[in-house]
Amino acid sequence: MKEPLVSRILKYALYAVFAAGVVITATLPLMFTTYTYIFFGNVSLREEYIAFIVPFLMSIGVPCLWIVLEMIWMLRSIPKGPFVIRNVHALYRIGILFLVLAAAFAAKCFIFLTFLTLFSAFLFTGGGLFAFTLAALIRQSIVFREENDLTI
């Protein structure tokens, strides 16, 4: 069965996002220094802010890359049929990663509270709950499919 066009476009988009994420996460200290120099000139940011935000952003990048990688692996199952237990486990892992990211942003709210940090915490919480819901739906569809296979 030929892979649908939308799946191919999404797969290549996820490959591009993963590659860009690896580059951004790996070069974050250099990029952050360059960014602050370009936009703020010679004004030095507080050292404790830089010492906190760069490792925080790098540690956030790793679970985000893992989520994209799980999505790429899930897309590979579409030609064979997406309703497999491996996709259920992948969605559970994605949900856990989303909740880990939500907890990290919620903890950051106690250190550097910004609207975007608070929004990110809520967004990742919603993403985690959505992933768990989708995993439960796919698991139930697998059960229904197996029951139908037995009745034929």
C-alpha atoms as a PDB file:
ATOM      1  CA  MET A   1       0.000   0.000   0.000  1.00  0.00           C
ATOM      2  CA  LYS A   2       1.347   3.386  -0.978  1.00  0.00           C
ATOM      3  CA  GLU A   3       1.891   5.885   1.796  1.00  0.00           C
ATOM      4  CA  PRO A   4      -0.621   8.790   1.657  1.00  0.00           C
ATOM      5  CA  LEU A   5       0.687  12.209   0.606  1.00  0.00           C
ATOM      6  CA  VAL A   6      -0.261  13.840   3.896  1.00  0.00           C
ATOM      7  CA  SER A   7       1.709  11.203   5.811  1.00  0.00           C
ATOM      8  CA  ARG A   8       4.776  11.745   3.643  1.00  0.00           C
ATOM      9  CA  ILE A   9       4.584  15.529   4.058  1.00  0.00           C
ATOM     10  CA  LEU A  10       4.147  15.153   7.810  1.00  0.00           C
ATOM     11  CA  LYS A  11       7.027  12.676   8.031  1.00  0.00           C
ATOM     12  CA  TYR A  12       9.422  15.024   6.204  1.00  0.00           C
ATOM     13  CA  ALA A  13       8.221  17.970   8.287  1.00  0.00           C
ATOM     14  CA  LEU A  14       8.941  15.972  11.447  1.00  0.00           C
ATOM     15  CA  TYR A  15      12.404  15.060  10.109  1.00  0.00           C
ATOM     16  CA  ALA A  16      13.062  18.779   9.534  1.00  0.00           C
ATOM     17  CA  VAL A  17      11.792  19.697  13.009  1.00  0.00           C
ATOM     18  CA  PHE A  18      13.944  16.982  14.577  1.00  0.00           C
ATOM     19  CA  ALA A  19      17.070  18.118  12.695  1.00  0.00           C
ATOM     20  CA  ALA A  20      16.442  21.767  13.578  1.00  0.00           C
ATOM     21  CA  GLY A  21      15.800  20.801  17.206  1.00  0.00           C
ATOM     22  CA  VAL A  22      19.083  18.910  17.443  1.00  0.00           C
ATOM     23  CA  VAL A  23      20.997  21.881  16.001  1.00  0.00           C
ATOM     24  CA  ILE A  24      19.226  24.400  18.237  1.00  0.00           C
ATOM     25  CA  THR A  25      19.626  22.310  21.390  1.00  0.00           C
ATOM     26  CA  ALA A  26      23.297  21.612  20.693  1.00  0.00           C
ATOM     27  CA  THR A  27      24.183  25.231  19.893  1.00  0.00           C
ATOM     28  CA  LEU A  28      21.923  26.887  22.468  1.00  0.00           C
ATOM     29  CA  PRO A  29      24.675  28.457  24.620  1.00  0.00           C
ATOM     30  CA  LEU A  30      26.256  30.115  21.576  1.00  0.00           C
ATOM     31  CA  MET A  31      22.897  31.116  20.125  1.00  0.00           C
ATOM     32  CA  PHE A  32      21.723  32.604  23.435  1.00  0.00           C
ATOM     33  CA  THR A  33      24.883  34.670  23.796  1.00  0.00           C
ATOM     34  CA  THR A  34      24.611  35.901  20.191  1.00  0.00           C
ATOM     35  CA  TYR A  35      20.901  36.664  20.608  1.00  0.00           C
ATOM     36  CA  THR A  36      21.427  38.737  23.748  1.00  0.00           C
ATOM     37  CA  TYR A  37      24.289  40.662  22.117  1.00  0.00           C
ATOM     38  CA  ILE A  38      22.304  41.425  18.948  1.00  0.00           C
ATOM     39  CA  PHE A  39      19.090  42.487  20.668  1.00  0.00           C
ATOM     40  CA  PHE A  40      20.419  43.961  23.913  1.00  0.00           C
ATOM     41  CA  GLY A  41      23.848  45.221  22.871  1.00  0.00           C
ATOM     42  CA  ASN A  42      26.501  45.347  25.534  1.00  0.00           C
ATOM     43  CA  VAL A  43      23.967  45.270  28.332  1.00  0.00           C
ATOM     44  CA  SER A  44      24.870  42.228  30.339  1.00  0.00           C
ATOM     45  CA  LEU A  45      22.044  40.113  31.646  1.00  0.00           C
ATOM     46  CA  ARG A  46      22.171  38.959  35.202  1.00  0.00           C
ATOM     47  CA  GLU A  47      24.577  36.062  35.453  1.00  0.00           C
ATOM     48  CA  GLU A  48      22.189  33.982  37.544  1.00  0.00           C
ATOM     49  CA  TYR A  49      19.524  34.326  34.829  1.00  0.00           C
ATOM     50  CA  ILE A  50      21.892  33.103  32.111  1.00  0.00           C
ATOM     51  CA  ALA A  51      23.190  30.341  34.384  1.00  0.00           C
ATOM     52  CA  PHE A  52      19.602  29.161  34.870  1.00  0.00           C
ATOM     53  CA  ILE A  53      17.926  29.690  31.497  1.00  0.00           C
ATOM     54  CA  VAL A  54      20.481  28.033  29.187  1.00  0.00           C
ATOM     55  CA  PRO A  55      20.593  24.673  31.050  1.00  0.00           C
ATOM     56  CA  PHE A  56      16.811  24.859  31.509  1.00  0.00           C
ATOM     57  CA  LEU A  57      16.201  25.342  27.791  1.00  0.00           C
ATOM     58  CA  MET A  58      18.681  22.591  26.903  1.00  0.00           C
ATOM     59  CA  SER A  59      16.991  20.192  29.320  1.00  0.00           C
ATOM     60  CA  ILE A  60      13.605  21.081  27.800  1.00  0.00           C
ATOM     61  CA  GLY A  61      14.952  20.403  24.301  1.00  0.00           C
ATOM     62  CA  VAL A  62      15.729  16.746  24.992  1.00  0.00           C
ATOM     63  CA  PRO A  63      12.140  15.644  25.852  1.00  0.00           C
ATOM     64  CA  CYS A  64      10.824  17.714  22.941  1.00  0.00           C
ATOM     65  CA  LEU A  65      13.173  15.885  20.573  1.00  0.00           C
ATOM     66  CA  TRP A  66      12.080  12.577  22.077  1.00  0.00           C
ATOM     67  CA  ILE A  67       8.421  13.498  21.406  1.00  0.00           C
ATOM     68  CA  VAL A  68       9.194  14.290  17.765  1.00  0.00           C
ATOM     69  CA  LEU A  69      11.114  11.018  17.442  1.00  0.00           C
ATOM     70  CA  GLU A  70       8.154   9.060  18.856  1.00  0.00           C
ATOM     71  CA  MET A  71       5.874  10.769  16.339  1.00  0.00           C
ATOM     72  CA  ILE A  72       8.208   9.792  13.482  1.00  0.00           C
ATOM     73  CA  TRP A  73       8.167   6.174  14.667  1.00  0.00           C
ATOM     74  CA  MET A  74       4.361   6.255  14.879  1.00  0.00           C
ATOM     75  CA  LEU A  75       4.104   7.550  11.312  1.00  0.00           C
ATOM     76  CA  ARG A  76       6.143   4.601  10.090  1.00  0.00           C
ATOM     77  CA  SER A  77       3.331   2.280  11.184  1.00  0.00           C
ATOM     78  CA  ILE A  78       0.663   3.931   9.004  1.00  0.00           C
ATOM     79  CA  PRO A  79       1.201   1.790   5.869  1.00  0.00           C
ATOM     80  CA  LYS A  80       0.824  -1.413   7.918  1.00  0.00           C
ATOM     81  CA  GLY A  81      -2.036  -0.087  10.044  1.00  0.00           C
ATOM     82  CA  PRO A  82      -1.799   2.509  12.816  1.00  0.00           C
ATOM     83  CA  PHE A  83      -3.837   0.557  15.373  1.00  0.00           C
ATOM     84  CA  VAL A  84      -0.994  -1.385  16.964  1.00  0.00           C
ATOM     85  CA  ILE A  85       0.043  -1.676  20.582  1.00  0.00           C
ATOM     86  CA  ARG A  86       3.404  -0.035  19.854  1.00  0.00           C
ATOM     87  CA  ASN A  87       1.574   3.232  19.029  1.00  0.00           C
ATOM     88  CA  VAL A  88      -0.369   2.999  22.293  1.00  0.00           C
ATOM     89  CA  HIS A  89       2.888   2.714  24.237  1.00  0.00           C
ATOM     90  CA  ALA A  90       4.377   5.582  22.219  1.00  0.00           C
ATOM     91  CA  LEU A  91       1.399   7.796  23.077  1.00  0.00           C
ATOM     92  CA  TYR A  92       1.753   6.913  26.766  1.00  0.00           C
ATOM     93  CA  ARG A  93       5.440   7.888  26.604  1.00  0.00           C
ATOM     94  CA  ILE A  94       4.538  11.124  24.812  1.00  0.00           C
ATOM     95  CA  GLY A  95       1.940  11.875  27.495  1.00  0.00           C
ATOM     96  CA  ILE A  96       4.481  11.305  30.257  1.00  0.00           C
ATOM     97  CA  LEU A  97       7.010  13.529  28.476  1.00  0.00           C
ATOM     98  CA  PHE A  98       4.400  16.266  28.094  1.00  0.00           C
ATOM     99  CA  LEU A  99       3.646  16.105  31.818  1.00  0.00           C
ATOM    100  CA  VAL A 100       7.369  16.203  32.634  1.00  0.00           C
ATOM    101  CA  LEU A 101       7.658  19.334  30.484  1.00  0.00           C
ATOM    102  CA  ALA A 102       4.579  20.811  32.190  1.00  0.00           C
ATOM    103  CA  ALA A 103       6.140  20.161  35.596  1.00  0.00           C
ATOM    104  CA  ALA A 104       9.407  21.775  34.493  1.00  0.00           C
ATOM    105  CA  PHE A 105       7.610  24.903  33.294  1.00  0.00           C
ATOM    106  CA  ALA A 106       5.464  24.988  36.435  1.00  0.00           C
ATOM    107  CA  ALA A 107       8.633  24.819  38.543  1.00  0.00           C
ATOM    108  CA  LYS A 108      10.143  27.603  36.439  1.00  0.00           C
ATOM    109  CA  CYS A 109       7.135  29.759  37.329  1.00  0.00           C
ATOM    110  CA  PHE A 110       8.437  29.866  40.905  1.00  0.00           C
ATOM    111  CA  ILE A 111      11.842  31.115  39.738  1.00  0.00           C
ATOM    112  CA  PHE A 112      11.129  33.339  36.697  1.00  0.00           C
ATOM    113  CA  LEU A 113       7.412  33.904  36.263  1.00  0.00           C
ATOM    114  CA  THR A 114       6.381  35.011  32.790  1.00  0.00           C
ATOM    115  CA  PHE A 115       3.116  34.681  30.919  1.00  0.00           C
ATOM    116  CA  LEU A 116       4.732  32.417  28.326  1.00  0.00           C
ATOM    117  CA  THR A 117       6.064  30.086  31.033  1.00  0.00           C
ATOM    118  CA  LEU A 118       2.626  29.788  32.605  1.00  0.00           C
ATOM    119  CA  PHE A 119       1.032  29.271  29.188  1.00  0.00           C
ATOM    120  CA  SER A 120       3.594  26.579  28.334  1.00  0.00           C
ATOM    121  CA  ALA A 121       2.848  24.722  31.577  1.00  0.00           C
ATOM    122  CA  PHE A 122      -0.867  24.646  30.754  1.00  0.00           C
ATOM    123  CA  LEU A 123      -0.229  23.789  27.102  1.00  0.00           C
ATOM    124  CA  PHE A 124       2.005  20.824  27.946  1.00  0.00           C
ATOM    125  CA  THR A 125      -0.495  19.620  30.556  1.00  0.00           C
ATOM    126  CA  GLY A 126      -3.220  19.660  27.914  1.00  0.00           C
ATOM    127  CA  GLY A 127      -0.942  17.877  25.451  1.00  0.00           C
ATOM    128  CA  GLY A 128      -0.211  15.151  27.989  1.00  0.00           C
ATOM    129  CA  LEU A 129      -3.875  14.604  28.751  1.00  0.00           C
ATOM    130  CA  PHE A 130      -4.664  14.528  25.030  1.00  0.00           C
ATOM    131  CA  ALA A 131      -1.942  11.926  24.415  1.00  0.00           C
ATOM    132  CA  PHE A 132      -3.306   9.725  27.216  1.00  0.00           C
ATOM    133  CA  THR A 133      -6.836  10.055  25.817  1.00  0.00           C
ATOM    134  CA  LEU A 134      -5.677   9.172  22.305  1.00  0.00           C
ATOM    135  CA  ALA A 135      -3.730   6.179  23.657  1.00  0.00           C
ATOM    136  CA  ALA A 136      -6.861   4.901  25.406  1.00  0.00           C
ATOM    137  CA  LEU A 137      -8.905   5.330  22.213  1.00  0.00           C
ATOM    138  CA  ILE A 138      -6.365   3.465  20.099  1.00  0.00           C
ATOM    139  CA  ARG A 139      -6.094   0.705  22.701  1.00  0.00           C
ATOM    140  CA  GLN A 140      -9.879   0.290  22.637  1.00  0.00           C
ATOM    141  CA  SER A 141      -9.914   0.229  18.831  1.00  0.00           C
ATOM    142  CA  ILE A 142      -7.334  -2.579  18.940  1.00  0.00           C
ATOM    143  CA  VAL A 143      -9.600  -4.527  21.281  1.00  0.00           C
ATOM    144  CA  PHE A 144     -12.595  -4.001  18.969  1.00  0.00           C
ATOM    145  CA  ARG A 145     -10.561  -5.026  15.928  1.00  0.00           C
ATOM    146  CA  GLU A 146      -9.376  -8.212  17.648  1.00  0.00           C
ATOM    147  CA  GLU A 147     -12.957  -9.059  18.680  1.00  0.00           C
ATOM    148  CA  ASN A 148     -14.150  -8.542  15.112  1.00  0.00           C
ATOM    149  CA  ASP A 149     -11.335 -10.722  13.782  1.00  0.00           C
ATOM    150  CA  LEU A 150     -12.456 -13.523  16.094  1.00  0.00           C
ATOM    151  CA  THR A 151     -16.088 -13.360  14.925  1.00  0.00           C
ATOM    152  CA  ILE A 152     -15.290 -13.765  11.248  1.00  0.00           C
END
